[in-house]
Amino acid sequence: MSTALADAQNLLSDLIGRYRSQVDYLSIRLEEAEGTDILLRGDRVETLSEGISVGGQVRACFKGGWGFASFNQLSTLAERIEERSPLPV
């Protein structure tokens, strides 16, 4: 498991612990993707890059109302949960 994914798992555990008592159902799905970008101009490689990205989705149910949010930055995950999920104010 990569360091980014391990850090994300710790963050998800903390968030689930924080919000689990406020909703009837809470699901956070995490995805890690690796990618390679190659830009060719004619027969010449102009750029070549590789990267790993982490993102996912949050689903929550509160008193029959469902909320859904997707994210591609873990640093804003808590804000996405509060912004899009039907959590009590």
C-alpha atoms as a PDB file:
ATOM      1  CA  MET A   1       0.000   0.000   0.000  1.00  0.00           C
ATOM      2  CA  SER A   2       1.382   3.405  -0.931  1.00  0.00           C
ATOM      3  CA  THR A   3       1.988   6.092   1.680  1.00  0.00           C
ATOM      4  CA  ALA A   4      -0.751   8.274   0.172  1.00  0.00           C
ATOM      5  CA  LEU A   5      -3.252   5.440   0.427  1.00  0.00           C
ATOM      6  CA  ALA A   6      -2.230   4.632   4.023  1.00  0.00           C
ATOM      7  CA  ASP A   7      -2.613   8.312   4.988  1.00  0.00           C
ATOM      8  CA  ALA A   8      -5.998   8.374   3.277  1.00  0.00           C
ATOM      9  CA  GLN A   9      -7.115   5.272   5.156  1.00  0.00           C
ATOM     10  CA  ASN A  10      -6.258   6.970   8.464  1.00  0.00           C
ATOM     11  CA  LEU A  11      -8.181  10.085   7.414  1.00  0.00           C
ATOM     12  CA  LEU A  12     -11.223   8.002   6.428  1.00  0.00           C
ATOM     13  CA  SER A  13     -11.188   6.184   9.766  1.00  0.00           C
ATOM     14  CA  ASP A  14     -11.112   9.522  11.596  1.00  0.00           C
ATOM     15  CA  LEU A  15     -13.973  10.946   9.498  1.00  0.00           C
ATOM     16  CA  ILE A  16     -16.136   7.852   9.913  1.00  0.00           C
ATOM     17  CA  GLY A  17     -15.548   8.032  13.674  1.00  0.00           C
ATOM     18  CA  ARG A  18     -16.511  11.726  13.692  1.00  0.00           C
ATOM     19  CA  TYR A  19     -19.731  11.398  11.668  1.00  0.00           C
ATOM     20  CA  ARG A  20     -20.986   7.852  12.322  1.00  0.00           C
ATOM     21  CA  SER A  21     -23.275   8.882  15.176  1.00  0.00           C
ATOM     22  CA  GLN A  22     -24.813  11.750  13.144  1.00  0.00           C
ATOM     23  CA  VAL A  23     -26.200   9.690  10.241  1.00  0.00           C
ATOM     24  CA  ASP A  24     -28.128   6.492   9.674  1.00  0.00           C
ATOM     25  CA  TYR A  25     -25.659   5.287   7.032  1.00  0.00           C
ATOM     26  CA  LEU A  26     -22.227   6.508   5.946  1.00  0.00           C
ATOM     27  CA  SER A  27     -20.017   5.086   3.210  1.00  0.00           C
ATOM     28  CA  ILE A  28     -16.715   6.494   1.988  1.00  0.00           C
ATOM     29  CA  ARG A  29     -15.158   4.830  -1.035  1.00  0.00           C
ATOM     30  CA  LEU A  30     -11.522   5.478  -1.835  1.00  0.00           C
ATOM     31  CA  GLU A  31      -9.830   4.886  -5.175  1.00  0.00           C
ATOM     32  CA  GLU A  32      -6.204   5.117  -6.181  1.00  0.00           C
ATOM     33  CA  ALA A  33      -5.219   5.353  -9.831  1.00  0.00           C
ATOM     34  CA  GLU A  34      -1.868   5.333 -11.558  1.00  0.00           C
ATOM     35  CA  GLY A  35      -1.458   6.995 -14.909  1.00  0.00           C
ATOM     36  CA  THR A  36       1.067   7.745 -17.592  1.00  0.00           C
ATOM     37  CA  ASP A  37       0.778  10.660 -20.002  1.00  0.00           C
ATOM     38  CA  ILE A  38       2.740  10.686 -23.229  1.00  0.00           C
ATOM     39  CA  LEU A  39       2.605  13.603 -25.664  1.00  0.00           C
ATOM     40  CA  LEU A  40       3.935  12.820 -29.130  1.00  0.00           C
ATOM     41  CA  ARG A  41       4.665  15.346 -31.860  1.00  0.00           C
ATOM     42  CA  GLY A  42       5.294  13.461 -35.037  1.00  0.00           C
ATOM     43  CA  ASP A  43       7.783  10.746 -34.160  1.00  0.00           C
ATOM     44  CA  ARG A  44       9.184  12.643 -31.147  1.00  0.00           C
ATOM     45  CA  VAL A  45       8.167  12.236 -27.483  1.00  0.00           C
ATOM     46  CA  GLU A  46       7.575  15.776 -26.231  1.00  0.00           C
ATOM     47  CA  THR A  47       6.513  15.029 -22.659  1.00  0.00           C
ATOM     48  CA  LEU A  48       6.303  11.934 -20.529  1.00  0.00           C
ATOM     49  CA  SER A  49       4.885  11.902 -17.013  1.00  0.00           C
ATOM     50  CA  GLU A  50       3.600   9.419 -14.469  1.00  0.00           C
ATOM     51  CA  GLY A  51       1.452  10.013 -11.428  1.00  0.00           C
ATOM     52  CA  ILE A  52      -0.792   8.571  -8.755  1.00  0.00           C
ATOM     53  CA  SER A  53      -4.098  10.161  -7.841  1.00  0.00           C
ATOM     54  CA  VAL A  54      -6.406   9.431  -4.907  1.00  0.00           C
ATOM     55  CA  GLY A  55     -10.113  10.255  -4.879  1.00  0.00           C
ATOM     56  CA  GLY A  56     -13.463   8.705  -4.159  1.00  0.00           C
ATOM     57  CA  GLN A  57     -17.091   9.109  -3.185  1.00  0.00           C
ATOM     58  CA  VAL A  58     -19.090   9.699   0.000  1.00  0.00           C
ATOM     59  CA  ARG A  59     -22.670   8.512   0.554  1.00  0.00           C
ATOM     60  CA  ALA A  60     -24.726   9.314   3.628  1.00  0.00           C
ATOM     61  CA  CYS A  61     -28.330   8.793   4.684  1.00  0.00           C
ATOM     62  CA  PHE A  62     -30.031  10.836   7.406  1.00  0.00           C
ATOM     63  CA  LYS A  63     -33.734  10.389   8.179  1.00  0.00           C
ATOM     64  CA  GLY A  64     -34.414   8.988   4.710  1.00  0.00           C
ATOM     65  CA  GLY A  65     -32.506  11.710   2.816  1.00  0.00           C
ATOM     66  CA  TRP A  66     -29.460  10.698   0.816  1.00  0.00           C
ATOM     67  CA  GLY A  67     -26.400  12.780   0.071  1.00  0.00           C
ATOM     68  CA  PHE A  68     -23.581  12.042  -2.337  1.00  0.00           C
ATOM     69  CA  ALA A  69     -20.261  13.763  -2.982  1.00  0.00           C
ATOM     70  CA  SER A  70     -17.217  12.880  -5.018  1.00  0.00           C
ATOM     71  CA  PHE A  71     -13.728  14.169  -4.294  1.00  0.00           C
ATOM     72  CA  ASN A  72     -10.291  14.194  -5.833  1.00  0.00           C
ATOM     73  CA  GLN A  73      -8.436  16.002  -3.048  1.00  0.00           C
ATOM     74  CA  LEU A  74      -8.269  14.376   0.363  1.00  0.00           C
ATOM     75  CA  SER A  75      -7.480  17.701   1.988  1.00  0.00           C
ATOM     76  CA  THR A  76     -11.045  18.897   1.239  1.00  0.00           C
ATOM     77  CA  LEU A  77     -12.869  15.666   2.086  1.00  0.00           C
ATOM     78  CA  ALA A  78     -14.295  16.841   5.436  1.00  0.00           C
ATOM     79  CA  GLU A  79     -15.706  19.959   3.752  1.00  0.00           C
ATOM     80  CA  ARG A  80     -17.272  17.855   0.958  1.00  0.00           C
ATOM     81  CA  ILE A  81     -18.959  15.622   3.536  1.00  0.00           C
ATOM     82  CA  GLU A  82     -20.463  18.578   5.392  1.00  0.00           C
ATOM     83  CA  GLU A  83     -21.365  20.438   2.199  1.00  0.00           C
ATOM     84  CA  ARG A  84     -23.138  17.630   0.335  1.00  0.00           C
ATOM     85  CA  SER A  85     -24.343  15.147   2.931  1.00  0.00           C
ATOM     86  CA  PRO A  86     -27.669  15.494   4.746  1.00  0.00           C
ATOM     87  CA  LEU A  87     -25.990  15.872   8.135  1.00  0.00           C
ATOM     88  CA  PRO A  88     -27.852  17.669  10.921  1.00  0.00           C
ATOM     89  CA  VAL A  89     -26.736  21.263  11.425  1.00  0.00           C
END
